[in-house]
Amino acid sequence: MAEQTPQVPCVRAVHADPNCRSLDIDPLPKSARRPAETKSPAKWAYERLILYIKNFEEQLDGDHEIAMGFTGSSAGVLRIEGIGYFDPDIVTFYGSDAEGTRTQLIQHVSQLNVILRALQKQPEAVEARRIGFRLAQELDENEAG
Protein backbone atom coordinates (compact mmCIF):
# COMPACT_ATOMS: atom_id res chain seq x y z
CA MET A 1 0.00 0.00 0.00
CA ALA A 2 1.35 3.44 -0.95
CA GLU A 3 2.14 5.82 1.88
CA GLN A 4 0.02 8.97 1.85
CA THR A 5 1.67 12.37 2.14
CA PRO A 6 0.11 14.59 4.84
CA GLN A 7 -1.74 17.52 3.32
CA VAL A 8 -1.19 21.16 4.22
CA PRO A 9 -4.61 22.73 4.93
CA CYS A 10 -6.43 24.68 2.25
CA VAL A 11 -9.50 26.89 2.47
CA ARG A 12 -11.99 28.27 -0.03
CA ALA A 13 -14.92 30.66 0.26
CA VAL A 14 -16.88 32.78 -2.21
CA HIS A 15 -18.82 35.89 -1.12
CA ALA A 16 -21.54 37.87 -2.87
CA ASP A 17 -20.11 41.11 -1.42
CA PRO A 18 -16.81 41.87 -3.21
CA ASN A 19 -15.65 43.86 -0.13
CA CYS A 20 -15.94 40.82 2.14
CA ARG A 21 -12.55 39.19 2.54
CA SER A 22 -12.26 35.43 2.53
CA LEU A 23 -10.06 33.72 5.06
CA ASP A 24 -6.45 34.35 4.06
CA ILE A 25 -4.23 31.51 5.18
CA ASP A 26 -1.09 32.75 3.48
CA PRO A 27 1.15 32.84 5.32
CA LEU A 28 -0.06 30.27 7.79
CA PRO A 29 1.38 30.41 11.30
CA LYS A 30 4.16 27.80 11.57
CA SER A 31 2.14 25.54 13.86
CA ALA A 32 -0.80 25.52 11.44
CA ARG A 33 1.49 24.38 8.60
CA ARG A 34 2.07 21.05 10.31
CA PRO A 35 -0.24 18.31 8.97
CA ALA A 36 -3.50 17.75 10.86
CA GLU A 37 -2.51 14.14 11.43
CA THR A 38 0.23 15.31 13.82
CA LYS A 39 -2.19 17.21 16.12
CA SER A 40 -4.99 16.44 18.51
CA PRO A 41 -8.50 17.37 17.33
CA ALA A 42 -8.52 20.13 19.98
CA LYS A 43 -5.27 21.73 18.79
CA TRP A 44 -6.32 21.47 15.15
CA ALA A 45 -9.68 23.17 15.89
CA TYR A 46 -7.95 25.82 18.06
CA GLU A 47 -5.49 26.77 15.30
CA ARG A 48 -8.19 27.12 12.66
CA LEU A 49 -10.45 29.12 15.00
CA ILE A 50 -7.58 31.57 15.53
CA LEU A 51 -7.32 32.12 11.78
CA TYR A 52 -11.06 32.79 11.51
CA ILE A 53 -11.02 35.15 14.50
CA LYS A 54 -8.04 37.10 13.13
CA ASN A 55 -9.64 37.41 9.69
CA PHE A 56 -12.98 38.52 11.15
CA GLU A 57 -11.34 41.18 13.34
CA GLU A 58 -9.35 42.56 10.40
CA GLN A 59 -12.66 43.50 8.77
CA LEU A 60 -14.06 45.36 11.79
CA ASP A 61 -14.01 49.12 12.21
CA GLY A 62 -12.62 50.78 15.34
CA ASP A 63 -16.01 50.84 17.06
CA HIS A 64 -16.60 47.08 17.05
CA GLU A 65 -15.11 44.05 18.81
CA ILE A 66 -15.40 40.35 18.11
CA ALA A 67 -17.89 38.23 20.00
CA MET A 68 -19.44 34.84 19.46
CA GLY A 69 -23.07 33.85 19.55
CA PHE A 70 -24.34 30.64 21.05
CA THR A 71 -26.57 28.44 18.97
CA GLY A 72 -29.40 26.46 20.50
CA SER A 73 -29.50 28.35 23.81
CA SER A 74 -30.54 31.64 25.35
CA ALA A 75 -27.02 32.36 26.64
CA GLY A 76 -26.60 35.31 24.26
CA VAL A 77 -23.11 36.34 23.17
CA LEU A 78 -19.59 36.20 24.58
CA ARG A 79 -16.99 38.89 23.87
CA ILE A 80 -13.98 36.79 22.95
CA GLU A 81 -11.09 37.67 25.25
CA GLY A 82 -9.22 34.39 24.94
CA ILE A 83 -9.40 30.86 23.59
CA GLY A 84 -7.59 27.69 24.51
CA TYR A 85 -7.68 23.94 24.18
CA PHE A 86 -7.24 20.87 26.35
CA ASP A 87 -5.96 17.82 24.50
CA PRO A 88 -7.27 15.70 23.07
CA ASP A 89 -10.71 17.16 22.34
CA ILE A 90 -11.78 20.27 24.32
CA VAL A 91 -11.80 23.89 23.09
CA THR A 92 -12.42 26.73 25.57
CA PHE A 93 -13.55 30.33 24.98
CA TYR A 94 -13.02 33.01 27.65
CA GLY A 95 -14.72 36.38 27.78
CA SER A 96 -17.68 38.32 29.09
CA ASP A 97 -21.35 38.53 28.19
CA ALA A 98 -23.30 41.64 27.18
CA GLU A 99 -23.67 42.68 30.84
CA GLY A 100 -19.93 42.30 31.49
CA THR A 101 -20.27 39.04 33.45
CA ARG A 102 -17.19 36.84 33.20
CA THR A 103 -18.02 33.88 30.95
CA GLN A 104 -16.30 30.68 29.82
CA LEU A 105 -17.51 28.16 27.27
CA ILE A 106 -16.00 24.68 27.34
CA GLN A 107 -16.88 22.65 24.29
CA HIS A 108 -16.02 19.25 22.83
CA VAL A 109 -14.67 19.59 19.28
CA SER A 110 -17.42 17.34 17.94
CA GLN A 111 -19.98 19.91 19.15
CA LEU A 112 -18.09 22.99 17.94
CA ASN A 113 -20.47 25.45 16.35
CA VAL A 114 -19.41 29.10 16.56
CA ILE A 115 -21.03 32.25 15.20
CA LEU A 116 -18.63 35.22 15.06
CA ARG A 117 -20.35 38.56 15.63
CA ALA A 118 -19.36 42.21 15.67
CA LEU A 119 -20.45 44.00 18.86
CA GLN A 120 -20.17 47.68 19.65
CA LYS A 121 -17.05 48.24 21.77
CA GLN A 122 -17.55 49.00 25.44
CA PRO A 123 -18.37 52.73 25.90
CA GLU A 124 -15.54 53.19 28.41
CA ALA A 125 -12.96 51.63 26.06
CA VAL A 126 -10.80 54.08 24.12
CA GLU A 127 -10.04 51.47 21.44
CA ALA A 128 -11.73 48.24 20.44
CA ARG A 129 -9.87 45.21 21.82
CA ARG A 130 -8.30 42.82 19.31
CA ILE A 131 -7.20 39.29 20.08
CA GLY A 132 -6.79 37.60 16.67
CA PHE A 133 -3.32 38.97 15.95
CA ARG A 134 -2.09 38.06 19.46
CA LEU A 135 -3.45 34.52 19.11
CA ALA A 136 -1.79 34.01 15.70
CA GLN A 137 1.49 35.46 17.02
CA GLU A 138 1.36 33.06 19.98
CA LEU A 139 0.99 30.11 17.58
CA ASP A 140 4.24 31.10 15.85
CA GLU A 141 6.08 31.74 19.13
CA ASN A 142 5.10 28.36 20.58
CA GLU A 143 6.21 26.59 17.41
CA ALA A 144 9.62 28.30 17.52
CA GLY A 145 10.19 27.61 21.22
C-alpha atoms as a PDB file:
ATOM      1  CA  MET A   1       0.000   0.000   0.000  1.00  0.00           C
ATOM      2  CA  ALA A   2       1.354   3.439  -0.950  1.00  0.00           C
ATOM      3  CA  GLU A   3       2.143   5.818   1.882  1.00  0.00           C
ATOM      4  CA  GLN A   4       0.017   8.972   1.854  1.00  0.00           C
ATOM      5  CA  THR A   5       1.674  12.369   2.142  1.00  0.00           C
ATOM      6  CA  PRO A   6       0.106  14.593   4.837  1.00  0.00           C
ATOM      7  CA  GLN A   7      -1.745  17.518   3.316  1.00  0.00           C
ATOM      8  CA  VAL A   8      -1.193  21.164   4.215  1.00  0.00           C
ATOM      9  CA  PRO A   9      -4.606  22.729   4.927  1.00  0.00           C
ATOM     10  CA  CYS A  10      -6.427  24.678   2.253  1.00  0.00           C
ATOM     11  CA  VAL A  11      -9.501  26.890   2.473  1.00  0.00           C
ATOM     12  CA  ARG A  12     -11.989  28.271  -0.031  1.00  0.00           C
ATOM     13  CA  ALA A  13     -14.924  30.658   0.259  1.00  0.00           C
ATOM     14  CA  VAL A  14     -16.882  32.781  -2.214  1.00  0.00           C
ATOM     15  CA  HIS A  15     -18.817  35.891  -1.120  1.00  0.00           C
ATOM     16  CA  ALA A  16     -21.542  37.867  -2.870  1.00  0.00           C
ATOM     17  CA  ASP A  17     -20.110  41.107  -1.424  1.00  0.00           C
ATOM     18  CA  PRO A  18     -16.810  41.872  -3.212  1.00  0.00           C
ATOM     19  CA  ASN A  19     -15.648  43.858  -0.131  1.00  0.00           C
ATOM     20  CA  CYS A  20     -15.942  40.818   2.136  1.00  0.00           C
ATOM     21  CA  ARG A  21     -12.547  39.190   2.537  1.00  0.00           C
ATOM     22  CA  SER A  22     -12.258  35.433   2.526  1.00  0.00           C
ATOM     23  CA  LEU A  23     -10.055  33.716   5.056  1.00  0.00           C
ATOM     24  CA  ASP A  24      -6.450  34.354   4.060  1.00  0.00           C
ATOM     25  CA  ILE A  25      -4.229  31.505   5.179  1.00  0.00           C
ATOM     26  CA  ASP A  26      -1.094  32.755   3.477  1.00  0.00           C
ATOM     27  CA  PRO A  27       1.154  32.842   5.324  1.00  0.00           C
ATOM     28  CA  LEU A  28      -0.064  30.267   7.795  1.00  0.00           C
ATOM     29  CA  PRO A  29       1.381  30.408  11.303  1.00  0.00           C
ATOM     30  CA  LYS A  30       4.160  27.803  11.573  1.00  0.00           C
ATOM     31  CA  SER A  31       2.136  25.539  13.858  1.00  0.00           C
ATOM     32  CA  ALA A  32      -0.797  25.520  11.441  1.00  0.00           C
ATOM     33  CA  ARG A  33       1.492  24.382   8.604  1.00  0.00           C
ATOM     34  CA  ARG A  34       2.069  21.048  10.310  1.00  0.00           C
ATOM     35  CA  PRO A  35      -0.244  18.315   8.973  1.00  0.00           C
ATOM     36  CA  ALA A  36      -3.495  17.752  10.860  1.00  0.00           C
ATOM     37  CA  GLU A  37      -2.507  14.135  11.433  1.00  0.00           C
ATOM     38  CA  THR A  38       0.231  15.315  13.824  1.00  0.00           C
ATOM     39  CA  LYS A  39      -2.186  17.209  16.121  1.00  0.00           C
ATOM     40  CA  SER A  40      -4.986  16.435  18.514  1.00  0.00           C
ATOM     41  CA  PRO A  41      -8.498  17.367  17.335  1.00  0.00           C
ATOM     42  CA  ALA A  42      -8.517  20.126  19.983  1.00  0.00           C
ATOM     43  CA  LYS A  43      -5.271  21.730  18.793  1.00  0.00           C
ATOM     44  CA  TRP A  44      -6.315  21.470  15.149  1.00  0.00           C
ATOM     45  CA  ALA A  45      -9.678  23.171  15.891  1.00  0.00           C
ATOM     46  CA  TYR A  46      -7.948  25.815  18.061  1.00  0.00           C
ATOM     47  CA  GLU A  47      -5.494  26.768  15.298  1.00  0.00           C
ATOM     48  CA  ARG A  48      -8.188  27.121  12.662  1.00  0.00           C
ATOM     49  CA  LEU A  49     -10.445  29.119  15.001  1.00  0.00           C
ATOM     50  CA  ILE A  50      -7.576  31.565  15.534  1.00  0.00           C
ATOM     51  CA  LEU A  51      -7.319  32.125  11.777  1.00  0.00           C
ATOM     52  CA  TYR A  52     -11.059  32.791  11.508  1.00  0.00           C
ATOM     53  CA  ILE A  53     -11.018  35.150  14.503  1.00  0.00           C
ATOM     54  CA  LYS A  54      -8.036  37.097  13.135  1.00  0.00           C
ATOM     55  CA  ASN A  55      -9.636  37.407   9.691  1.00  0.00           C
ATOM     56  CA  PHE A  56     -12.977  38.525  11.154  1.00  0.00           C
ATOM     57  CA  GLU A  57     -11.336  41.175  13.340  1.00  0.00           C
ATOM     58  CA  GLU A  58      -9.346  42.562  10.403  1.00  0.00           C
ATOM     59  CA  GLN A  59     -12.660  43.495   8.769  1.00  0.00           C
ATOM     60  CA  LEU A  60     -14.057  45.363  11.795  1.00  0.00           C
ATOM     61  CA  ASP A  61     -14.008  49.117  12.215  1.00  0.00           C
ATOM     62  CA  GLY A  62     -12.617  50.779  15.337  1.00  0.00           C
ATOM     63  CA  ASP A  63     -16.009  50.844  17.061  1.00  0.00           C
ATOM     64  CA  HIS A  64     -16.605  47.078  17.047  1.00  0.00           C
ATOM     65  CA  GLU A  65     -15.112  44.048  18.807  1.00  0.00           C
ATOM     66  CA  ILE A  66     -15.399  40.352  18.111  1.00  0.00           C
ATOM     67  CA  ALA A  67     -17.892  38.230  19.997  1.00  0.00           C
ATOM     68  CA  MET A  68     -19.443  34.842  19.457  1.00  0.00           C
ATOM     69  CA  GLY A  69     -23.073  33.851  19.554  1.00  0.00           C
ATOM     70  CA  PHE A  70     -24.336  30.641  21.049  1.00  0.00           C
ATOM     71  CA  THR A  71     -26.571  28.438  18.968  1.00  0.00           C
ATOM     72  CA  GLY A  72     -29.398  26.457  20.495  1.00  0.00           C
ATOM     73  CA  SER A  73     -29.505  28.349  23.809  1.00  0.00           C
ATOM     74  CA  SER A  74     -30.540  31.637  25.347  1.00  0.00           C
ATOM     75  CA  ALA A  75     -27.024  32.360  26.642  1.00  0.00           C
ATOM     76  CA  GLY A  76     -26.603  35.305  24.262  1.00  0.00           C
ATOM     77  CA  VAL A  77     -23.108  36.339  23.168  1.00  0.00           C
ATOM     78  CA  LEU A  78     -19.593  36.196  24.577  1.00  0.00           C
ATOM     79  CA  ARG A  79     -16.993  38.893  23.871  1.00  0.00           C
ATOM     80  CA  ILE A  80     -13.977  36.789  22.953  1.00  0.00           C
ATOM     81  CA  GLU A  81     -11.088  37.673  25.254  1.00  0.00           C
ATOM     82  CA  GLY A  82      -9.220  34.387  24.936  1.00  0.00           C
ATOM     83  CA  ILE A  83      -9.397  30.858  23.593  1.00  0.00           C
ATOM     84  CA  GLY A  84      -7.586  27.687  24.508  1.00  0.00           C
ATOM     85  CA  TYR A  85      -7.683  23.937  24.176  1.00  0.00           C
ATOM     86  CA  PHE A  86      -7.244  20.867  26.353  1.00  0.00           C
ATOM     87  CA  ASP A  87      -5.959  17.817  24.500  1.00  0.00           C
ATOM     88  CA  PRO A  88      -7.274  15.698  23.067  1.00  0.00           C
ATOM     89  CA  ASP A  89     -10.710  17.155  22.335  1.00  0.00           C
ATOM     90  CA  ILE A  90     -11.781  20.270  24.320  1.00  0.00           C
ATOM     91  CA  VAL A  91     -11.802  23.888  23.095  1.00  0.00           C
ATOM     92  CA  THR A  92     -12.424  26.735  25.565  1.00  0.00           C
ATOM     93  CA  PHE A  93     -13.550  30.327  24.981  1.00  0.00           C
ATOM     94  CA  TYR A  94     -13.016  33.008  27.649  1.00  0.00           C
ATOM     95  CA  GLY A  95     -14.715  36.384  27.775  1.00  0.00           C
ATOM     96  CA  SER A  96     -17.683  38.315  29.088  1.00  0.00           C
ATOM     97  CA  ASP A  97     -21.345  38.527  28.194  1.00  0.00           C
ATOM     98  CA  ALA A  98     -23.301  41.642  27.181  1.00  0.00           C
ATOM     99  CA  GLU A  99     -23.666  42.685  30.844  1.00  0.00           C
ATOM    100  CA  GLY A 100     -19.929  42.296  31.491  1.00  0.00           C
ATOM    101  CA  THR A 101     -20.267  39.042  33.451  1.00  0.00           C
ATOM    102  CA  ARG A 102     -17.190  36.838  33.195  1.00  0.00           C
ATOM    103  CA  THR A 103     -18.024  33.881  30.954  1.00  0.00           C
ATOM    104  CA  GLN A 104     -16.297  30.679  29.824  1.00  0.00           C
ATOM    105  CA  LEU A 105     -17.513  28.163  27.265  1.00  0.00           C
ATOM    106  CA  ILE A 106     -16.000  24.677  27.345  1.00  0.00           C
ATOM    107  CA  GLN A 107     -16.880  22.645  24.294  1.00  0.00           C
ATOM    108  CA  HIS A 108     -16.022  19.248  22.826  1.00  0.00           C
ATOM    109  CA  VAL A 109     -14.666  19.591  19.283  1.00  0.00           C
ATOM    110  CA  SER A 110     -17.421  17.336  17.939  1.00  0.00           C
ATOM    111  CA  GLN A 111     -19.983  19.907  19.154  1.00  0.00           C
ATOM    112  CA  LEU A 112     -18.089  22.995  17.943  1.00  0.00           C
ATOM    113  CA  ASN A 113     -20.474  25.452  16.352  1.00  0.00           C
ATOM    114  CA  VAL A 114     -19.409  29.102  16.555  1.00  0.00           C
ATOM    115  CA  ILE A 115     -21.033  32.254  15.199  1.00  0.00           C
ATOM    116  CA  LEU A 116     -18.632  35.219  15.059  1.00  0.00           C
ATOM    117  CA  ARG A 117     -20.354  38.558  15.626  1.00  0.00           C
ATOM    118  CA  ALA A 118     -19.359  42.207  15.672  1.00  0.00           C
ATOM    119  CA  LEU A 119     -20.446  44.004  18.858  1.00  0.00           C
ATOM    120  CA  GLN A 120     -20.175  47.680  19.648  1.00  0.00           C
ATOM    121  CA  LYS A 121     -17.055  48.237  21.773  1.00  0.00           C
ATOM    122  CA  GLN A 122     -17.549  48.996  25.441  1.00  0.00           C
ATOM    123  CA  PRO A 123     -18.372  52.728  25.899  1.00  0.00           C
ATOM    124  CA  GLU A 124     -15.541  53.194  28.409  1.00  0.00           C
ATOM    125  CA  ALA A 125     -12.956  51.628  26.057  1.00  0.00           C
ATOM    126  CA  VAL A 126     -10.795  54.075  24.118  1.00  0.00           C
ATOM    127  CA  GLU A 127     -10.044  51.466  21.442  1.00  0.00           C
ATOM    128  CA  ALA A 128     -11.728  48.236  20.438  1.00  0.00           C
ATOM    129  CA  ARG A 129      -9.865  45.212  21.819  1.00  0.00           C
ATOM    130  CA  ARG A 130      -8.303  42.825  19.309  1.00  0.00           C
ATOM    131  CA  ILE A 131      -7.204  39.287  20.083  1.00  0.00           C
ATOM    132  CA  GLY A 132      -6.792  37.597  16.673  1.00  0.00           C
ATOM    133  CA  PHE A 133      -3.319  38.968  15.951  1.00  0.00           C
ATOM    134  CA  ARG A 134      -2.092  38.056  19.461  1.00  0.00           C
ATOM    135  CA  LEU A 135      -3.445  34.520  19.105  1.00  0.00           C
ATOM    136  CA  ALA A 136      -1.787  34.007  15.704  1.00  0.00           C
ATOM    137  CA  GLN A 137       1.490  35.456  17.017  1.00  0.00           C
ATOM    138  CA  GLU A 138       1.365  33.056  19.981  1.00  0.00           C
ATOM    139  CA  LEU A 139       0.992  30.108  17.577  1.00  0.00           C
ATOM    140  CA  ASP A 140       4.245  31.097  15.854  1.00  0.00           C
ATOM    141  CA  GLU A 141       6.084  31.740  19.129  1.00  0.00           C
ATOM    142  CA  ASN A 142       5.097  28.357  20.579  1.00  0.00           C
ATOM    143  CA  GLU A 143       6.208  26.591  17.414  1.00  0.00           C
ATOM    144  CA  ALA A 144       9.619  28.297  17.517  1.00  0.00           C
ATOM    145  CA  GLY A 145      10.191  27.613  21.225  1.00  0.00           C
END
